[in-house]
Amino acid sequence: MKVYRLLTGKDDATFCRRVTEALLAGWELHGSPTMPATADGVHVGQAIVKHTTEEYDPKKPLNQY
């Protein structure tokens, strides 16, 4: 099965660390990042996916796959 997540946040080092940590945990980038500019600054989003043999549990946090 493939698990999907969308990471979002401000365009800063914290967001980049979250993506890096997900990649180190076996997640893969899925598609291009988004970077909309708003009145609050630039926000980013990056879709990630992970292949797993585990059964999907809607109560389990996605970052625990």
N, C-alpha and C. Protein backbone atom coordinates (compact mmCIF):
# COMPACT_ATOMS: atom_id res chain seq x y z
N MET A 1 0.84 -1.17 0.00
CA MET A 1 0.00 0.00 0.00
C MET A 1 0.89 1.24 0.00
N LYS A 2 0.34 2.34 -0.46
CA LYS A 2 1.07 3.61 -0.49
C LYS A 2 0.35 4.60 0.41
N VAL A 3 1.10 5.22 1.31
CA VAL A 3 0.56 6.23 2.23
C VAL A 3 0.97 7.61 1.70
N TYR A 4 0.04 8.56 1.76
CA TYR A 4 0.25 9.90 1.24
C TYR A 4 0.17 10.92 2.36
N ARG A 5 1.07 11.89 2.32
CA ARG A 5 1.03 13.02 3.26
C ARG A 5 1.33 14.30 2.49
N LEU A 6 0.83 15.41 3.00
CA LEU A 6 1.17 16.71 2.45
C LEU A 6 1.75 17.54 3.59
N LEU A 7 3.03 17.83 3.48
CA LEU A 7 3.69 18.67 4.48
C LEU A 7 3.51 20.12 4.06
N THR A 8 3.14 20.98 5.00
CA THR A 8 2.97 22.40 4.71
C THR A 8 3.60 23.23 5.82
N GLY A 9 3.92 24.46 5.51
CA GLY A 9 4.47 25.35 6.52
C GLY A 9 5.07 26.59 5.91
N LYS A 10 5.66 27.41 6.77
CA LYS A 10 6.37 28.60 6.31
C LYS A 10 7.64 28.17 5.61
N ASP A 11 8.06 28.96 4.64
CA ASP A 11 9.30 28.67 3.91
C ASP A 11 10.48 29.04 4.80
N ASP A 12 10.89 28.07 5.62
CA ASP A 12 12.02 28.31 6.52
C ASP A 12 12.78 27.00 6.77
N ALA A 13 13.81 27.07 7.57
CA ALA A 13 14.65 25.90 7.84
C ALA A 13 13.87 24.80 8.55
N THR A 14 12.89 25.16 9.36
CA THR A 14 12.10 24.15 10.06
C THR A 14 11.33 23.28 9.07
N PHE A 15 10.74 23.90 8.06
CA PHE A 15 10.04 23.12 7.04
C PHE A 15 11.01 22.21 6.30
N CYS A 16 12.15 22.73 5.92
CA CYS A 16 13.15 21.92 5.21
C CYS A 16 13.60 20.74 6.07
N ARG A 17 13.75 20.94 7.36
CA ARG A 17 14.12 19.83 8.26
C ARG A 17 13.02 18.77 8.30
N ARG A 18 11.76 19.19 8.33
CA ARG A 18 10.65 18.24 8.34
C ARG A 18 10.67 17.36 7.08
N VAL A 19 10.91 17.98 5.93
CA VAL A 19 10.99 17.21 4.68
C VAL A 19 12.20 16.28 4.73
N THR A 20 13.33 16.77 5.18
CA THR A 20 14.54 15.94 5.28
C THR A 20 14.32 14.76 6.20
N GLU A 21 13.70 14.98 7.35
CA GLU A 21 13.45 13.89 8.29
C GLU A 21 12.50 12.86 7.70
N ALA A 22 11.50 13.31 6.95
CA ALA A 22 10.60 12.37 6.29
C ALA A 22 11.35 11.53 5.26
N LEU A 23 12.23 12.16 4.49
CA LEU A 23 13.01 11.42 3.50
C LEU A 23 13.91 10.38 4.18
N LEU A 24 14.50 10.75 5.30
CA LEU A 24 15.36 9.82 6.04
C LEU A 24 14.55 8.66 6.62
N ALA A 25 13.25 8.87 6.85
CA ALA A 25 12.37 7.84 7.39
C ALA A 25 11.75 6.97 6.30
N GLY A 26 12.18 7.16 5.06
CA GLY A 26 11.71 6.31 3.97
C GLY A 26 10.62 6.89 3.09
N TRP A 27 10.19 8.12 3.36
CA TRP A 27 9.19 8.76 2.52
C TRP A 27 9.87 9.25 1.25
N GLU A 28 9.11 9.39 0.16
CA GLU A 28 9.64 9.87 -1.12
C GLU A 28 8.86 11.10 -1.55
N LEU A 29 9.54 12.03 -2.22
CA LEU A 29 8.86 13.21 -2.75
C LEU A 29 7.85 12.77 -3.80
N HIS A 30 6.73 13.45 -3.86
CA HIS A 30 5.69 13.13 -4.83
C HIS A 30 5.25 14.44 -5.48
N GLY A 31 5.66 14.66 -6.69
CA GLY A 31 5.31 15.89 -7.38
C GLY A 31 6.19 17.06 -6.97
N SER A 32 5.87 18.19 -7.51
CA SER A 32 6.63 19.42 -7.25
C SER A 32 6.10 20.13 -6.01
N PRO A 33 6.98 20.88 -5.34
CA PRO A 33 6.51 21.67 -4.19
C PRO A 33 5.66 22.84 -4.66
N THR A 34 4.85 23.37 -3.75
CA THR A 34 4.09 24.58 -4.02
C THR A 34 4.64 25.69 -3.14
N MET A 35 4.58 26.93 -3.62
CA MET A 35 5.11 28.06 -2.86
C MET A 35 4.23 29.29 -3.06
N PRO A 36 3.01 29.30 -2.55
CA PRO A 36 2.19 30.50 -2.69
C PRO A 36 2.65 31.62 -1.76
N ALA A 37 2.64 32.82 -2.29
CA ALA A 37 2.96 34.01 -1.48
C ALA A 37 1.65 34.59 -0.97
N THR A 38 1.58 34.83 0.34
CA THR A 38 0.39 35.40 0.95
C THR A 38 0.79 36.65 1.73
N ALA A 39 -0.16 37.29 2.33
CA ALA A 39 0.13 38.46 3.15
C ALA A 39 1.01 38.09 4.34
N ASP A 40 0.97 36.82 4.75
CA ASP A 40 1.78 36.34 5.88
C ASP A 40 3.17 35.89 5.46
N GLY A 41 3.49 35.98 4.18
CA GLY A 41 4.79 35.52 3.69
C GLY A 41 4.62 34.33 2.76
N VAL A 42 5.72 33.70 2.45
CA VAL A 42 5.71 32.56 1.54
C VAL A 42 5.47 31.28 2.34
N HIS A 43 4.53 30.48 1.87
CA HIS A 43 4.25 29.19 2.48
C HIS A 43 4.61 28.11 1.47
N VAL A 44 4.98 26.95 1.95
CA VAL A 44 5.37 25.86 1.06
C VAL A 44 4.60 24.61 1.39
N GLY A 45 4.48 23.76 0.40
CA GLY A 45 3.85 22.46 0.57
C GLY A 45 4.59 21.44 -0.26
N GLN A 46 4.74 20.24 0.28
CA GLN A 46 5.39 19.17 -0.46
C GLN A 46 4.66 17.87 -0.18
N ALA A 47 4.18 17.24 -1.23
CA ALA A 47 3.55 15.93 -1.09
C ALA A 47 4.64 14.88 -0.97
N ILE A 48 4.39 13.89 -0.10
CA ILE A 48 5.31 12.77 0.06
C ILE A 48 4.50 11.48 0.14
N VAL A 49 5.11 10.38 -0.28
CA VAL A 49 4.46 9.07 -0.23
C VAL A 49 5.44 8.06 0.35
N LYS A 50 4.86 6.99 0.89
CA LYS A 50 5.69 5.91 1.43
C LYS A 50 4.99 4.58 1.13
N HIS A 51 5.74 3.65 0.60
CA HIS A 51 5.23 2.31 0.36
C HIS A 51 5.39 1.51 1.65
N THR A 52 4.36 0.78 2.03
CA THR A 52 4.41 0.00 3.26
C THR A 52 3.62 -1.29 3.08
N THR A 53 3.97 -2.30 3.83
CA THR A 53 3.22 -3.55 3.83
C THR A 53 2.19 -3.56 4.95
N GLU A 54 2.18 -2.54 5.78
CA GLU A 54 1.23 -2.45 6.88
C GLU A 54 -0.19 -2.21 6.36
N GLU A 55 -1.16 -2.67 7.12
CA GLU A 55 -2.56 -2.36 6.83
C GLU A 55 -2.83 -0.90 7.22
N TYR A 56 -3.66 -0.23 6.44
CA TYR A 56 -4.00 1.15 6.75
C TYR A 56 -4.91 1.20 7.97
N ASP A 57 -4.57 2.07 8.90
CA ASP A 57 -5.36 2.29 10.10
C ASP A 57 -5.66 3.79 10.17
N PRO A 58 -6.90 4.20 9.94
CA PRO A 58 -7.21 5.63 9.93
C PRO A 58 -6.96 6.33 11.26
N LYS A 59 -6.81 5.57 12.33
CA LYS A 59 -6.52 6.17 13.64
C LYS A 59 -5.03 6.38 13.87
N LYS A 60 -4.20 5.75 13.05
CA LYS A 60 -2.75 5.85 13.21
C LYS A 60 -2.25 7.12 12.54
N PRO A 61 -1.45 7.93 13.23
CA PRO A 61 -0.87 9.12 12.58
C PRO A 61 -0.02 8.70 11.38
N LEU A 62 -0.16 9.43 10.28
CA LEU A 62 0.55 9.05 9.06
C LEU A 62 2.06 9.06 9.22
N ASN A 63 2.59 9.93 10.09
CA ASN A 63 4.04 9.98 10.26
C ASN A 63 4.58 8.75 11.00
N GLN A 64 3.70 7.86 11.46
CA GLN A 64 4.15 6.66 12.15
C GLN A 64 4.23 5.43 11.23
N TYR A 65 3.99 5.64 9.94
CA TYR A 65 4.14 4.54 9.00
C TYR A 65 5.59 4.40 8.60
